[in-house]
N, C-alpha and C. Protein backbone atom coordinates (compact mmCIF):
# COMPACT_ATOMS: atom_id res chain seq x y z
N MET A 1 0.81 -1.21 -0.01
CA MET A 1 0.05 -0.02 -0.02
C MET A 1 0.78 1.17 -0.04
N GLN A 2 0.51 2.13 -0.80
CA GLN A 2 1.21 3.47 -0.85
C GLN A 2 0.67 4.33 0.30
N LEU A 3 1.53 4.94 1.05
CA LEU A 3 1.06 5.89 2.10
C LEU A 3 1.01 7.27 1.57
N ARG A 4 0.09 8.09 1.95
CA ARG A 4 0.00 9.51 1.49
C ARG A 4 1.17 10.26 2.10
N PRO A 5 1.50 11.35 1.44
CA PRO A 5 2.65 12.10 1.84
C PRO A 5 2.79 12.52 3.28
N GLU A 6 1.68 12.81 3.91
CA GLU A 6 1.78 13.18 5.34
C GLU A 6 2.01 12.08 6.39
N LEU A 7 2.10 10.85 5.73
CA LEU A 7 2.48 9.67 6.56
C LEU A 7 3.84 9.10 6.27
N LEU A 8 4.55 9.83 5.48
CA LEU A 8 5.90 9.47 5.04
C LEU A 8 6.92 10.29 5.80
N PRO A 9 8.10 9.77 6.04
CA PRO A 9 9.14 10.53 6.69
C PRO A 9 9.44 11.83 5.94
N PRO A 10 9.55 12.84 6.55
CA PRO A 10 9.78 14.12 5.94
C PRO A 10 11.11 14.10 5.16
N SER A 11 11.16 14.73 4.09
CA SER A 11 12.46 14.99 3.40
C SER A 11 13.08 16.23 4.04
N ILE A 12 14.26 16.00 4.56
CA ILE A 12 14.86 17.23 5.38
C ILE A 12 16.19 17.52 4.56
N PRO A 13 16.31 18.75 4.16
CA PRO A 13 17.47 19.18 3.45
C PRO A 13 18.72 19.08 4.25
N ALA A 14 19.75 18.73 3.56
CA ALA A 14 21.09 18.44 4.13
C ALA A 14 21.53 19.76 4.93
N ALA A 15 21.22 20.91 4.45
CA ALA A 15 21.55 22.10 5.23
C ALA A 15 20.91 22.20 6.50
N ARG A 16 19.63 21.83 6.53
CA ARG A 16 18.85 21.84 7.68
C ARG A 16 19.42 20.97 8.75
N LEU A 17 19.68 19.73 8.31
CA LEU A 17 20.39 18.76 9.24
C LEU A 17 21.71 19.16 9.72
N ALA A 18 22.54 19.79 8.85
CA ALA A 18 23.84 20.34 9.41
C ALA A 18 23.64 21.50 10.37
N GLU A 19 22.62 22.37 10.18
CA GLU A 19 22.27 23.42 11.05
C GLU A 19 21.91 22.80 12.44
N LEU A 20 21.01 21.85 12.50
CA LEU A 20 20.64 21.23 13.66
C LEU A 20 21.76 20.52 14.39
N ALA A 21 22.65 19.78 13.66
CA ALA A 21 23.70 19.14 14.17
C ALA A 21 24.60 20.04 14.95
N ALA A 22 24.89 21.27 14.20
CA ALA A 22 25.80 22.33 14.83
C ALA A 22 25.17 22.75 16.15
N ALA A 23 23.90 23.00 16.07
CA ALA A 23 23.26 23.47 17.38
C ALA A 23 23.29 22.41 18.39
N ILE A 24 23.07 21.18 18.08
CA ILE A 24 23.27 20.10 19.15
C ILE A 24 24.72 20.12 19.79
N THR A 25 25.61 20.20 18.83
CA THR A 25 27.09 20.13 19.30
C THR A 25 27.30 21.27 20.14
N ALA A 26 26.91 22.53 19.73
CA ALA A 26 27.11 23.64 20.66
C ALA A 26 26.47 23.52 22.06
N ILE A 27 25.26 23.04 22.09
CA ILE A 27 24.62 22.80 23.38
C ILE A 27 25.37 21.70 24.14
N GLU A 28 25.73 20.58 23.47
CA GLU A 28 26.46 19.56 24.16
C GLU A 28 27.72 20.12 24.64
N ASP A 29 28.54 20.87 23.90
CA ASP A 29 29.81 21.37 24.34
C ASP A 29 29.72 22.27 25.57
N ARG A 30 28.70 23.13 25.50
CA ARG A 30 28.51 24.02 26.65
C ARG A 30 28.14 23.25 27.91
N LEU A 31 27.38 22.31 27.77
CA LEU A 31 26.96 21.45 28.95
C LEU A 31 28.18 20.60 29.47
N GLU A 32 28.91 20.15 28.54
CA GLU A 32 30.13 19.35 29.01
C GLU A 32 31.08 20.27 29.68
N ARG A 33 31.19 21.58 29.50
CA ARG A 33 32.09 22.50 30.09
C ARG A 33 31.36 22.99 31.40
N GLY A 34 30.24 22.57 31.78
CA GLY A 34 29.60 22.89 32.96
C GLY A 34 28.91 24.21 32.89
N GLU A 35 28.66 24.84 31.61
CA GLU A 35 28.16 26.06 31.50
C GLU A 35 26.62 25.97 31.34
N ASP A 36 25.92 26.99 31.61
CA ASP A 36 24.54 27.08 31.40
C ASP A 36 24.07 27.14 29.95
N ALA A 37 23.27 26.20 29.43
CA ALA A 37 22.87 26.09 28.02
C ALA A 37 21.31 26.25 27.95
N THR A 38 20.73 26.72 29.01
CA THR A 38 19.24 26.96 29.03
C THR A 38 18.78 27.69 27.75
N ALA A 39 19.33 28.86 27.51
CA ALA A 39 18.88 29.70 26.40
C ALA A 39 19.03 29.03 25.05
N LEU A 40 20.20 28.25 24.88
CA LEU A 40 20.39 27.45 23.53
C LEU A 40 19.38 26.44 23.49
N ILE A 41 19.04 25.70 24.56
CA ILE A 41 18.08 24.57 24.59
C ILE A 41 16.71 25.11 24.20
N GLU A 42 16.38 26.27 24.90
CA GLU A 42 15.11 26.81 24.62
C GLU A 42 14.89 27.31 23.19
N ALA A 43 15.90 27.82 22.60
CA ALA A 43 16.03 28.24 21.24
C ALA A 43 15.88 26.97 20.24
N PHE A 44 16.59 25.88 20.66
CA PHE A 44 16.58 24.75 19.83
C PHE A 44 15.13 24.14 19.83
N ASN A 45 14.56 24.11 20.96
CA ASN A 45 13.21 23.51 21.19
C ASN A 45 12.12 24.41 20.42
N ALA A 46 12.35 25.77 20.47
CA ALA A 46 11.43 26.66 19.74
C ALA A 46 11.59 26.38 18.25
N ASP A 47 12.73 26.11 17.83
CA ASP A 47 13.09 26.01 16.44
C ASP A 47 12.50 24.66 15.84
N THR A 48 12.55 23.64 16.65
CA THR A 48 12.17 22.29 16.26
C THR A 48 10.84 21.85 16.77
N ASP A 49 10.22 22.67 17.62
CA ASP A 49 8.86 22.29 18.19
C ASP A 49 8.94 21.06 18.96
N ASN A 50 10.06 20.84 19.89
CA ASN A 50 10.41 19.73 20.63
C ASN A 50 10.45 20.18 22.18
N ASP A 51 10.77 19.13 22.93
CA ASP A 51 10.81 19.54 24.37
C ASP A 51 12.09 18.79 24.94
N TYR A 52 13.24 18.89 24.35
CA TYR A 52 14.42 18.28 24.76
C TYR A 52 14.98 19.02 26.03
N ASP A 53 15.68 18.25 26.89
CA ASP A 53 16.33 18.84 28.01
C ASP A 53 17.84 18.46 28.02
N GLU A 54 18.47 18.98 29.00
CA GLU A 54 19.96 18.77 29.15
C GLU A 54 20.41 17.29 29.02
N HIS A 55 19.61 16.47 29.58
CA HIS A 55 19.85 14.99 29.54
C HIS A 55 19.84 14.44 28.12
N ASP A 56 18.96 14.84 27.34
CA ASP A 56 18.87 14.53 25.91
C ASP A 56 20.12 14.83 25.14
N PHE A 57 20.69 16.01 25.38
CA PHE A 57 21.94 16.45 24.67
C PHE A 57 23.22 15.74 25.12
N LEU A 58 23.10 15.31 26.41
CA LEU A 58 24.31 14.70 26.91
C LEU A 58 24.23 13.12 26.88
N SER A 59 23.07 12.60 26.49
CA SER A 59 22.91 11.14 26.49
C SER A 59 22.64 10.57 25.17
N TYR A 60 22.44 11.30 24.10
CA TYR A 60 21.88 10.80 22.74
C TYR A 60 22.93 9.76 22.30
N HIS A 61 24.28 9.90 22.54
CA HIS A 61 25.27 9.10 21.99
C HIS A 61 25.11 7.58 22.32
N SER A 62 24.34 7.33 23.45
CA SER A 62 24.14 5.91 23.93
C SER A 62 23.19 5.19 22.94
N SER A 63 22.34 5.86 22.24
CA SER A 63 21.39 5.23 21.31
C SER A 63 21.31 5.66 19.95
N GLN A 64 22.08 6.67 19.53
CA GLN A 64 21.98 7.23 18.19
C GLN A 64 23.17 8.13 17.95
N SER A 65 23.39 8.41 16.58
CA SER A 65 24.53 9.24 16.12
C SER A 65 23.97 10.72 16.13
N LEU A 66 24.93 11.61 16.01
CA LEU A 66 24.57 13.12 15.88
C LEU A 66 23.65 13.29 14.74
N GLU A 67 23.88 12.63 13.62
CA GLU A 67 23.07 12.82 12.53
C GLU A 67 21.66 12.33 12.73
N GLU A 68 21.43 11.21 13.43
CA GLU A 68 20.13 10.57 13.75
C GLU A 68 19.35 11.55 14.67
N PHE A 69 20.12 11.98 15.68
CA PHE A 69 19.49 13.00 16.64
C PHE A 69 19.07 14.25 15.95
N ALA A 70 19.82 14.78 14.99
CA ALA A 70 19.38 16.01 14.14
C ALA A 70 18.22 15.59 13.37
N TYR A 71 18.19 14.39 12.75
CA TYR A 71 17.12 14.01 11.86
C TYR A 71 15.80 13.96 12.66
N GLU A 72 15.95 13.23 13.88
CA GLU A 72 14.79 13.14 14.77
C GLU A 72 14.18 14.55 15.13
N ALA A 73 15.04 15.41 15.51
CA ALA A 73 14.75 16.71 15.91
C ALA A 73 14.02 17.45 14.80
N ALA A 74 14.24 17.16 13.51
CA ALA A 74 13.67 17.88 12.45
C ALA A 74 12.26 17.33 12.09
N TRP A 75 11.94 16.11 12.63
CA TRP A 75 10.54 15.58 12.35
C TRP A 75 9.50 16.42 13.06
N PRO A 76 8.26 16.30 12.49
CA PRO A 76 7.15 17.02 13.19
C PRO A 76 7.12 16.39 14.58
N SER A 77 7.00 17.10 15.68
CA SER A 77 7.02 16.62 17.04
C SER A 77 5.92 15.67 17.35
N PHE A 78 4.69 15.95 16.90
CA PHE A 78 3.55 15.20 17.15
C PHE A 78 2.75 15.09 15.79
N PRO A 79 3.06 14.19 14.97
CA PRO A 79 2.52 14.12 13.62
C PRO A 79 1.10 13.46 13.64
N LYS A 80 0.25 14.09 14.34
CA LYS A 80 -1.24 13.66 14.44
C LYS A 80 -1.95 13.78 13.06
N VAL A 81 -2.36 12.70 12.59
CA VAL A 81 -3.28 12.70 11.35
C VAL A 81 -4.67 12.43 11.65
N PRO A 82 -5.56 13.33 11.76
CA PRO A 82 -6.85 13.16 12.29
C PRO A 82 -7.67 12.12 11.47
N ASP A 83 -7.39 11.95 10.17
CA ASP A 83 -8.11 11.13 9.32
C ASP A 83 -7.37 9.74 9.02
N ILE A 84 -6.44 9.42 9.87
CA ILE A 84 -5.66 8.26 9.53
C ILE A 84 -6.64 6.98 9.65
N THR A 85 -6.43 6.07 8.72
CA THR A 85 -7.34 4.90 8.61
C THR A 85 -6.62 3.75 9.11
N ARG A 86 -7.41 2.74 9.45
CA ARG A 86 -6.93 1.46 9.96
C ARG A 86 -5.99 0.80 8.96
N ASP A 87 -6.33 0.88 7.62
CA ASP A 87 -5.47 0.31 6.74
C ASP A 87 -4.17 1.09 6.60
N GLU A 88 -4.09 2.29 6.90
CA GLU A 88 -2.82 3.13 6.90
C GLU A 88 -2.07 2.66 8.18
N LEU A 89 -2.68 2.44 9.27
CA LEU A 89 -1.96 2.06 10.53
C LEU A 89 -1.41 0.58 10.25
N VAL A 90 -2.12 -0.21 9.60
CA VAL A 90 -1.71 -1.57 9.28
C VAL A 90 -0.28 -1.41 8.45
N GLU A 91 -0.36 -0.60 7.43
CA GLU A 91 0.78 -0.44 6.62
C GLU A 91 1.96 0.16 7.42
N ILE A 92 1.69 1.05 8.25
CA ILE A 92 2.71 1.63 9.06
C ILE A 92 3.24 0.57 10.00
N ALA A 93 2.37 -0.20 10.55
CA ALA A 93 2.75 -1.29 11.41
C ALA A 93 3.65 -2.37 10.70
N GLU A 94 3.18 -2.65 9.44
CA GLU A 94 4.08 -3.53 8.62
C GLU A 94 5.43 -3.02 8.45
N ARG A 95 5.57 -1.87 8.27
CA ARG A 95 6.94 -1.15 8.00
C ARG A 95 7.66 -1.20 9.40
N ILE A 96 7.09 -1.06 10.50
CA ILE A 96 7.77 -1.10 11.81
C ILE A 96 8.24 -2.56 12.05
N VAL A 97 7.42 -3.56 11.74
CA VAL A 97 7.79 -5.00 11.96
C VAL A 97 8.82 -5.38 11.07
N ALA A 98 8.90 -4.90 9.82
CA ALA A 98 9.84 -5.24 8.84
C ALA A 98 11.20 -4.48 9.05
N VAL A 99 11.31 -3.64 10.11
CA VAL A 99 12.38 -2.88 10.30
C VAL A 99 12.83 -2.14 9.00
N ASP A 100 11.82 -1.24 8.58
CA ASP A 100 12.13 -0.34 7.52
C ASP A 100 13.23 0.63 7.90
N PRO A 101 13.95 1.10 6.92
CA PRO A 101 15.08 2.09 7.22
C PRO A 101 14.46 3.27 8.04
N ASP A 102 13.26 3.64 7.89
CA ASP A 102 12.73 4.70 8.60
C ASP A 102 11.78 4.26 9.81
N THR A 103 12.23 3.13 10.32
CA THR A 103 11.32 2.61 11.46
C THR A 103 11.19 3.60 12.50
N ASP A 104 12.07 4.23 13.02
CA ASP A 104 12.00 5.23 14.12
C ASP A 104 10.87 6.21 13.85
N PHE A 105 10.85 6.76 12.70
CA PHE A 105 9.72 7.67 12.19
C PHE A 105 8.41 7.03 12.25
N TYR A 106 8.31 5.80 11.76
CA TYR A 106 7.07 5.00 11.76
C TYR A 106 6.60 4.75 13.17
N VAL A 107 7.38 4.38 14.04
CA VAL A 107 7.12 4.13 15.47
C VAL A 107 6.52 5.44 16.11
N HIS A 108 7.17 6.49 15.96
CA HIS A 108 6.79 7.84 16.39
C HIS A 108 5.36 8.21 15.76
N LEU A 109 5.17 7.94 14.54
CA LEU A 109 3.87 8.24 13.96
C LEU A 109 2.85 7.24 14.43
N PHE A 110 3.07 5.99 14.59
CA PHE A 110 2.14 5.10 15.14
C PHE A 110 1.73 5.35 16.49
N GLU A 111 2.64 5.65 17.31
CA GLU A 111 2.40 6.01 18.75
C GLU A 111 1.61 7.28 18.87
N THR A 112 1.79 8.25 18.06
CA THR A 112 1.08 9.41 18.08
C THR A 112 -0.35 9.32 17.58
N ASN A 113 -0.56 8.40 16.85
CA ASN A 113 -1.92 8.28 16.18
C ASN A 113 -2.73 7.03 16.76
N THR A 114 -2.28 6.53 17.84
CA THR A 114 -3.07 5.60 18.56
C THR A 114 -3.14 6.02 20.03
N VAL A 115 -4.13 5.54 20.76
CA VAL A 115 -4.32 5.99 22.17
C VAL A 115 -3.71 4.98 23.17
N ARG A 116 -3.46 3.74 22.76
CA ARG A 116 -2.96 2.74 23.70
C ARG A 116 -1.60 3.16 24.18
N PRO A 117 -1.24 3.14 25.28
CA PRO A 117 0.11 3.42 25.80
C PRO A 117 1.04 2.42 25.24
N ALA A 118 2.29 2.82 24.84
CA ALA A 118 3.36 1.93 24.34
C ALA A 118 2.71 0.95 23.32
N ALA A 119 1.94 1.37 22.36
CA ALA A 119 1.26 0.64 21.36
C ALA A 119 2.16 -0.21 20.67
N VAL A 120 3.31 0.20 20.23
CA VAL A 120 4.29 -0.54 19.39
C VAL A 120 4.74 -1.79 20.13
N SER A 121 4.90 -1.65 21.45
CA SER A 121 5.37 -2.82 22.16
C SER A 121 4.51 -4.13 21.98
N VAL A 122 3.32 -3.86 21.55
CA VAL A 122 2.38 -5.04 21.20
C VAL A 122 2.97 -5.91 20.15
N PHE A 123 3.65 -5.21 19.23
CA PHE A 123 4.13 -6.01 18.13
C PHE A 123 5.37 -6.90 18.53
N HIS A 124 6.02 -6.56 19.59
CA HIS A 124 7.19 -7.18 20.08
C HIS A 124 6.88 -8.23 21.13
N HIS A 125 5.86 -7.88 21.91
CA HIS A 125 5.44 -8.70 23.16
C HIS A 125 3.93 -8.68 23.15
N PRO A 126 3.26 -9.36 22.28
CA PRO A 126 1.80 -9.42 22.26
C PRO A 126 1.25 -10.27 23.50
N PRO A 127 0.02 -9.94 23.79
CA PRO A 127 -0.60 -10.72 24.92
C PRO A 127 -0.60 -12.19 24.43
N GLU A 128 -0.56 -13.10 25.36
CA GLU A 128 -0.42 -14.52 25.09
C GLU A 128 -1.46 -14.96 24.06
N HIS A 129 -2.69 -14.49 24.14
CA HIS A 129 -3.65 -14.99 23.26
C HIS A 129 -3.54 -14.48 21.79
N LEU A 130 -2.49 -13.59 21.62
CA LEU A 130 -2.29 -13.09 20.31
C LEU A 130 -0.83 -13.42 19.87
N ASN A 131 -0.15 -14.41 20.40
CA ASN A 131 1.14 -14.72 20.11
C ASN A 131 1.38 -15.07 18.56
N ASP A 132 0.40 -15.66 18.03
CA ASP A 132 0.47 -16.02 16.48
C ASP A 132 -0.35 -15.13 15.65
N ALA A 133 -0.69 -13.99 16.04
CA ALA A 133 -1.54 -13.08 15.40
C ALA A 133 -0.84 -12.34 14.30
N SER A 134 -1.53 -12.00 13.31
CA SER A 134 -1.01 -11.27 12.09
C SER A 134 -0.74 -9.78 12.61
N VAL A 135 -0.09 -8.97 11.87
CA VAL A 135 0.06 -7.61 12.09
C VAL A 135 -1.29 -6.86 12.18
N THR A 136 -2.09 -7.23 11.19
CA THR A 136 -3.46 -6.66 11.09
C THR A 136 -4.28 -7.00 12.43
N GLU A 137 -4.19 -8.10 12.93
CA GLU A 137 -4.97 -8.43 14.17
C GLU A 137 -4.33 -7.75 15.26
N LEU A 138 -2.97 -7.42 15.35
CA LEU A 138 -2.47 -6.80 16.30
C LEU A 138 -2.81 -5.25 16.31
N VAL A 139 -2.89 -4.72 15.14
CA VAL A 139 -3.38 -3.34 15.00
C VAL A 139 -4.82 -3.31 15.47
N ASP A 140 -5.68 -4.16 15.11
CA ASP A 140 -7.00 -4.19 15.59
C ASP A 140 -7.14 -4.24 17.20
N PHE A 141 -6.24 -5.10 17.68
CA PHE A 141 -6.13 -5.13 19.22
C PHE A 141 -5.76 -3.80 19.76
N ILE A 142 -4.74 -3.13 19.16
CA ILE A 142 -4.30 -1.82 19.69
C ILE A 142 -5.46 -0.79 19.50
N LEU A 143 -6.24 -0.84 18.43
CA LEU A 143 -7.29 0.10 18.17
C LEU A 143 -8.42 -0.09 19.04
N SER A 144 -8.54 -1.38 19.63
CA SER A 144 -9.75 -1.66 20.51
C SER A 144 -9.50 -1.01 21.84
N TYR A 145 -8.33 -0.53 22.19
CA TYR A 145 -8.03 0.03 23.63
C TYR A 145 -8.93 1.27 23.71
N ARG A 146 -9.56 1.39 24.90
CA ARG A 146 -10.18 2.61 25.23
C ARG A 146 -9.80 3.08 26.54
N PRO A 147 -9.21 4.30 26.76
CA PRO A 147 -8.74 4.78 28.02
C PRO A 147 -9.98 4.95 28.91
N ILE A 148 -9.64 4.70 30.18
CA ILE A 148 -10.62 4.84 31.26
C ILE A 148 -10.62 6.39 31.71
N ALA A 149 -11.79 6.96 31.69
CA ALA A 149 -11.94 8.35 32.16
C ALA A 149 -11.94 8.28 33.65
N LEU A 150 -11.19 9.17 34.22
CA LEU A 150 -11.12 9.20 35.80
C LEU A 150 -11.96 10.34 36.26
């Protein structure tokens, strides 16, 4: 299935990625020197519509490269698609399970467009009664979740 453009990873110009990588490095350098980076972090978050904190800039190396962090920062922070369909969620889930090169984006997109907490974890650790379920059945299970109003 072809996904519509708003469900695909954004194309980010190399110049924008370089600009974000330079900002990340400047923040990281300042923090490593023990200096205050609050203004730089606030400017970075305003520019990228994210909510990163000092810890994010000091610990990203443990899970991703500088380029990957810059790419992630350039994504839409909450890519909510109000008219997303079940079939589109199934296709996104198929890409997650297949470990598509853009899996991280698809995980972000799937989690943002479903209400079940940690929805993607169902693909890796399904409930016992769904151990042999298809991706479509797992998506239906995820979509059946209804939060409890307190």
